[in-house]
Amino acid sequence: MFWRKGYISIAFNDECRSEVRPSDLQSFVWMEEIRKSACVYVDSSNEPCQKINDKEIIQSLVDYINGGIDWDDQSTEPRSHKKTYKFDHVTVEFLFEGDKEIYLKSDKGTKLTKT
């Protein structure tokens, strides 16, 4: 299952007039149902996790992850911070740094999101 997000791109032609062109970016759903709990590892998966049981928070995380744009793993840039979220059978790493885009990585691929 996937859905598309429509974005508008603006380009300038040779006469310095702007043109607006729509482009479609795909976003595959990584998790379809709400999870009962999630585990958060702030620095590494070797430390004890911070368990989340609040369904609204979990649903917000799932929606945020599913809403990320599918991204080419080869074009990710290094980030200085990482948090790992475990949802039943899906583990997602959030790679972030300041105001830069956030990369989400799992065995399902890589996604790009905004802060």
C-alpha atoms as a PDB file:
ATOM      1  CA  MET A   1       0.000   0.000   0.000  1.00  0.00           C
ATOM      2  CA  PHE A   2       1.268   3.470  -0.769  1.00  0.00           C
ATOM      3  CA  TRP A   3      -0.021   6.976  -1.205  1.00  0.00           C
ATOM      4  CA  ARG A   4       1.283  10.030  -2.952  1.00  0.00           C
ATOM      5  CA  LYS A   5       1.953  13.537  -1.800  1.00  0.00           C
ATOM      6  CA  GLY A   6       1.614  16.312  -4.335  1.00  0.00           C
ATOM      7  CA  TYR A   7       4.200  19.051  -4.190  1.00  0.00           C
ATOM      8  CA  ILE A   8       4.682  22.164  -6.278  1.00  0.00           C
ATOM      9  CA  SER A   9       8.070  22.971  -7.708  1.00  0.00           C
ATOM     10  CA  ILE A  10       8.988  26.372  -9.070  1.00  0.00           C
ATOM     11  CA  ALA A  11      11.542  26.791 -11.841  1.00  0.00           C
ATOM     12  CA  PHE A  12      12.706  29.780 -13.827  1.00  0.00           C
ATOM     13  CA  ASN A  13      12.703  29.643 -17.608  1.00  0.00           C
ATOM     14  CA  ASP A  14      15.124  31.466 -19.933  1.00  0.00           C
ATOM     15  CA  GLU A  15      13.027  34.651 -19.791  1.00  0.00           C
ATOM     16  CA  CYS A  16      13.253  34.791 -15.960  1.00  0.00           C
ATOM     17  CA  ARG A  17       9.566  33.992 -15.499  1.00  0.00           C
ATOM     18  CA  SER A  18       8.587  31.402 -12.986  1.00  0.00           C
ATOM     19  CA  GLU A  19       6.766  28.215 -13.948  1.00  0.00           C
ATOM     20  CA  VAL A  20       4.888  26.086 -11.460  1.00  0.00           C
ATOM     21  CA  ARG A  21       5.040  22.334 -12.077  1.00  0.00           C
ATOM     22  CA  PRO A  22       3.465  19.660  -9.888  1.00  0.00           C
ATOM     23  CA  SER A  23       5.529  16.622  -9.027  1.00  0.00           C
ATOM     24  CA  ASP A  24       4.500  13.422  -7.270  1.00  0.00           C
ATOM     25  CA  LEU A  25       6.538  11.892  -4.491  1.00  0.00           C
ATOM     26  CA  GLN A  26       5.696   8.429  -3.195  1.00  0.00           C
ATOM     27  CA  SER A  27       5.362   7.393   0.396  1.00  0.00           C
ATOM     28  CA  PHE A  28       4.936   3.706   1.196  1.00  0.00           C
ATOM     29  CA  VAL A  29       3.172   2.823   4.438  1.00  0.00           C
ATOM     30  CA  TRP A  30       5.477   1.016   6.857  1.00  0.00           C
ATOM     31  CA  MET A  31       2.889   0.343   9.584  1.00  0.00           C
ATOM     32  CA  GLU A  32      -0.829  -0.107   8.928  1.00  0.00           C
ATOM     33  CA  GLU A  33      -2.321  -0.614  12.376  1.00  0.00           C
ATOM     34  CA  ILE A  34      -1.804   1.105  15.683  1.00  0.00           C
ATOM     35  CA  ARG A  35       0.630  -0.631  17.975  1.00  0.00           C
ATOM     36  CA  LYS A  36      -0.079  -1.359  21.648  1.00  0.00           C
ATOM     37  CA  SER A  37       3.290  -0.072  22.769  1.00  0.00           C
ATOM     38  CA  ALA A  38       6.577   1.274  21.486  1.00  0.00           C
ATOM     39  CA  CYS A  39      10.094   1.354  22.859  1.00  0.00           C
ATOM     40  CA  VAL A  40      12.422   4.351  22.493  1.00  0.00           C
ATOM     41  CA  TYR A  41      16.204   4.048  22.684  1.00  0.00           C
ATOM     42  CA  VAL A  42      17.782   7.484  22.951  1.00  0.00           C
ATOM     43  CA  ASP A  43      21.399   6.619  22.114  1.00  0.00           C
ATOM     44  CA  SER A  44      21.686   2.898  21.385  1.00  0.00           C
ATOM     45  CA  SER A  45      19.671  -0.286  21.581  1.00  0.00           C
ATOM     46  CA  ASN A  46      22.033  -1.559  24.309  1.00  0.00           C
ATOM     47  CA  GLU A  47      20.473   0.650  26.990  1.00  0.00           C
ATOM     48  CA  PRO A  48      17.039   0.116  28.569  1.00  0.00           C
ATOM     49  CA  CYS A  49      14.208   1.491  26.472  1.00  0.00           C
ATOM     50  CA  GLN A  50      11.677   4.135  27.454  1.00  0.00           C
ATOM     51  CA  LYS A  51       8.326   2.413  26.927  1.00  0.00           C
ATOM     52  CA  ILE A  52       5.413   4.337  25.386  1.00  0.00           C
ATOM     53  CA  ASN A  53       1.886   3.036  26.048  1.00  0.00           C
ATOM     54  CA  ASP A  54      -0.160   6.137  25.158  1.00  0.00           C
ATOM     55  CA  LYS A  55      -2.115   5.229  21.994  1.00  0.00           C
ATOM     56  CA  GLU A  56      -2.353   8.850  20.809  1.00  0.00           C
ATOM     57  CA  ILE A  57       1.423   9.323  20.991  1.00  0.00           C
ATOM     58  CA  ILE A  58       2.011   5.982  19.267  1.00  0.00           C
ATOM     59  CA  GLN A  59      -0.495   6.860  16.524  1.00  0.00           C
ATOM     60  CA  SER A  60       1.225  10.246  16.025  1.00  0.00           C
ATOM     61  CA  LEU A  61       4.580   8.492  15.637  1.00  0.00           C
ATOM     62  CA  VAL A  62       3.129   5.942  13.184  1.00  0.00           C
ATOM     63  CA  ASP A  63       1.482   8.730  11.135  1.00  0.00           C
ATOM     64  CA  TYR A  64       4.739  10.708  11.103  1.00  0.00           C
ATOM     65  CA  ILE A  65       6.741   7.676   9.957  1.00  0.00           C
ATOM     66  CA  ASN A  66       4.213   6.671   7.301  1.00  0.00           C
ATOM     67  CA  GLY A  67       4.067  10.278   6.055  1.00  0.00           C
ATOM     68  CA  GLY A  68       7.773  10.453   5.269  1.00  0.00           C
ATOM     69  CA  ILE A  69       8.799  10.592   1.610  1.00  0.00           C
ATOM     70  CA  ASP A  70      10.534   7.491   0.250  1.00  0.00           C
ATOM     71  CA  TRP A  71      14.199   8.353  -0.181  1.00  0.00           C
ATOM     72  CA  ASP A  72      17.237   6.871  -1.876  1.00  0.00           C
ATOM     73  CA  ASP A  73      19.444   5.385   0.830  1.00  0.00           C
ATOM     74  CA  GLN A  74      22.574   6.329  -1.147  1.00  0.00           C
ATOM     75  CA  SER A  75      21.793  10.060  -0.945  1.00  0.00           C
ATOM     76  CA  THR A  76      21.457  10.395   2.842  1.00  0.00           C
ATOM     77  CA  GLU A  77      23.750  12.815   4.618  1.00  0.00           C
ATOM     78  CA  PRO A  78      25.307  12.065   8.031  1.00  0.00           C
ATOM     79  CA  ARG A  79      23.414  13.259  11.123  1.00  0.00           C
ATOM     80  CA  SER A  80      24.842  13.750  14.610  1.00  0.00           C
ATOM     81  CA  HIS A  81      21.904  12.307  16.613  1.00  0.00           C
ATOM     82  CA  LYS A  82      19.956   9.054  16.512  1.00  0.00           C
ATOM     83  CA  LYS A  83      16.876   7.699  18.287  1.00  0.00           C
ATOM     84  CA  THR A  84      15.588   4.186  17.731  1.00  0.00           C
ATOM     85  CA  TYR A  85      11.871   3.337  17.991  1.00  0.00           C
ATOM     86  CA  LYS A  86      10.730  -0.284  18.144  1.00  0.00           C
ATOM     87  CA  PHE A  87       7.136  -1.120  17.229  1.00  0.00           C
ATOM     88  CA  ASP A  88       6.397  -4.858  17.452  1.00  0.00           C
ATOM     89  CA  HIS A  89       8.181  -6.107  14.300  1.00  0.00           C
ATOM     90  CA  VAL A  90       9.341  -2.753  12.880  1.00  0.00           C
ATOM     91  CA  THR A  91      12.419  -0.879  14.117  1.00  0.00           C
ATOM     92  CA  VAL A  92      12.891   2.691  12.873  1.00  0.00           C
ATOM     93  CA  GLU A  93      15.988   4.827  13.366  1.00  0.00           C
ATOM     94  CA  PHE A  94      15.450   8.602  13.420  1.00  0.00           C
ATOM     95  CA  LEU A  95      18.638  10.344  12.236  1.00  0.00           C
ATOM     96  CA  PHE A  96      18.542  14.084  12.956  1.00  0.00           C
ATOM     97  CA  GLU A  97      20.622  17.219  13.525  1.00  0.00           C
ATOM     98  CA  GLY A  98      19.381  20.742  14.261  1.00  0.00           C
ATOM     99  CA  ASP A  99      17.022  22.112  11.599  1.00  0.00           C
ATOM    100  CA  LYS A 100      18.136  19.650   8.907  1.00  0.00           C
ATOM    101  CA  GLU A 101      15.810  17.084   7.369  1.00  0.00           C
ATOM    102  CA  ILE A 102      15.232  13.907   9.366  1.00  0.00           C
ATOM    103  CA  TYR A 103      16.013  10.506   7.879  1.00  0.00           C
ATOM    104  CA  LEU A 104      13.977   7.489   8.949  1.00  0.00           C
ATOM    105  CA  LYS A 105      15.651   4.128   8.338  1.00  0.00           C
ATOM    106  CA  SER A 106      14.323   0.592   8.722  1.00  0.00           C
ATOM    107  CA  ASP A 107      14.533  -2.743   6.945  1.00  0.00           C
ATOM    108  CA  LYS A 108      11.718  -1.348   4.746  1.00  0.00           C
ATOM    109  CA  GLY A 109      13.958   1.408   3.356  1.00  0.00           C
ATOM    110  CA  THR A 110      14.671   5.077   4.000  1.00  0.00           C
ATOM    111  CA  LYS A 111      12.304   8.036   4.303  1.00  0.00           C
ATOM    112  CA  LEU A 112      12.898  11.777   4.469  1.00  0.00           C
ATOM    113  CA  THR A 113      10.849  14.110   6.682  1.00  0.00           C
ATOM    114  CA  LYS A 114      10.985  17.733   7.737  1.00  0.00           C
ATOM    115  CA  THR A 115      11.412  18.939  11.305  1.00  0.00           C
END
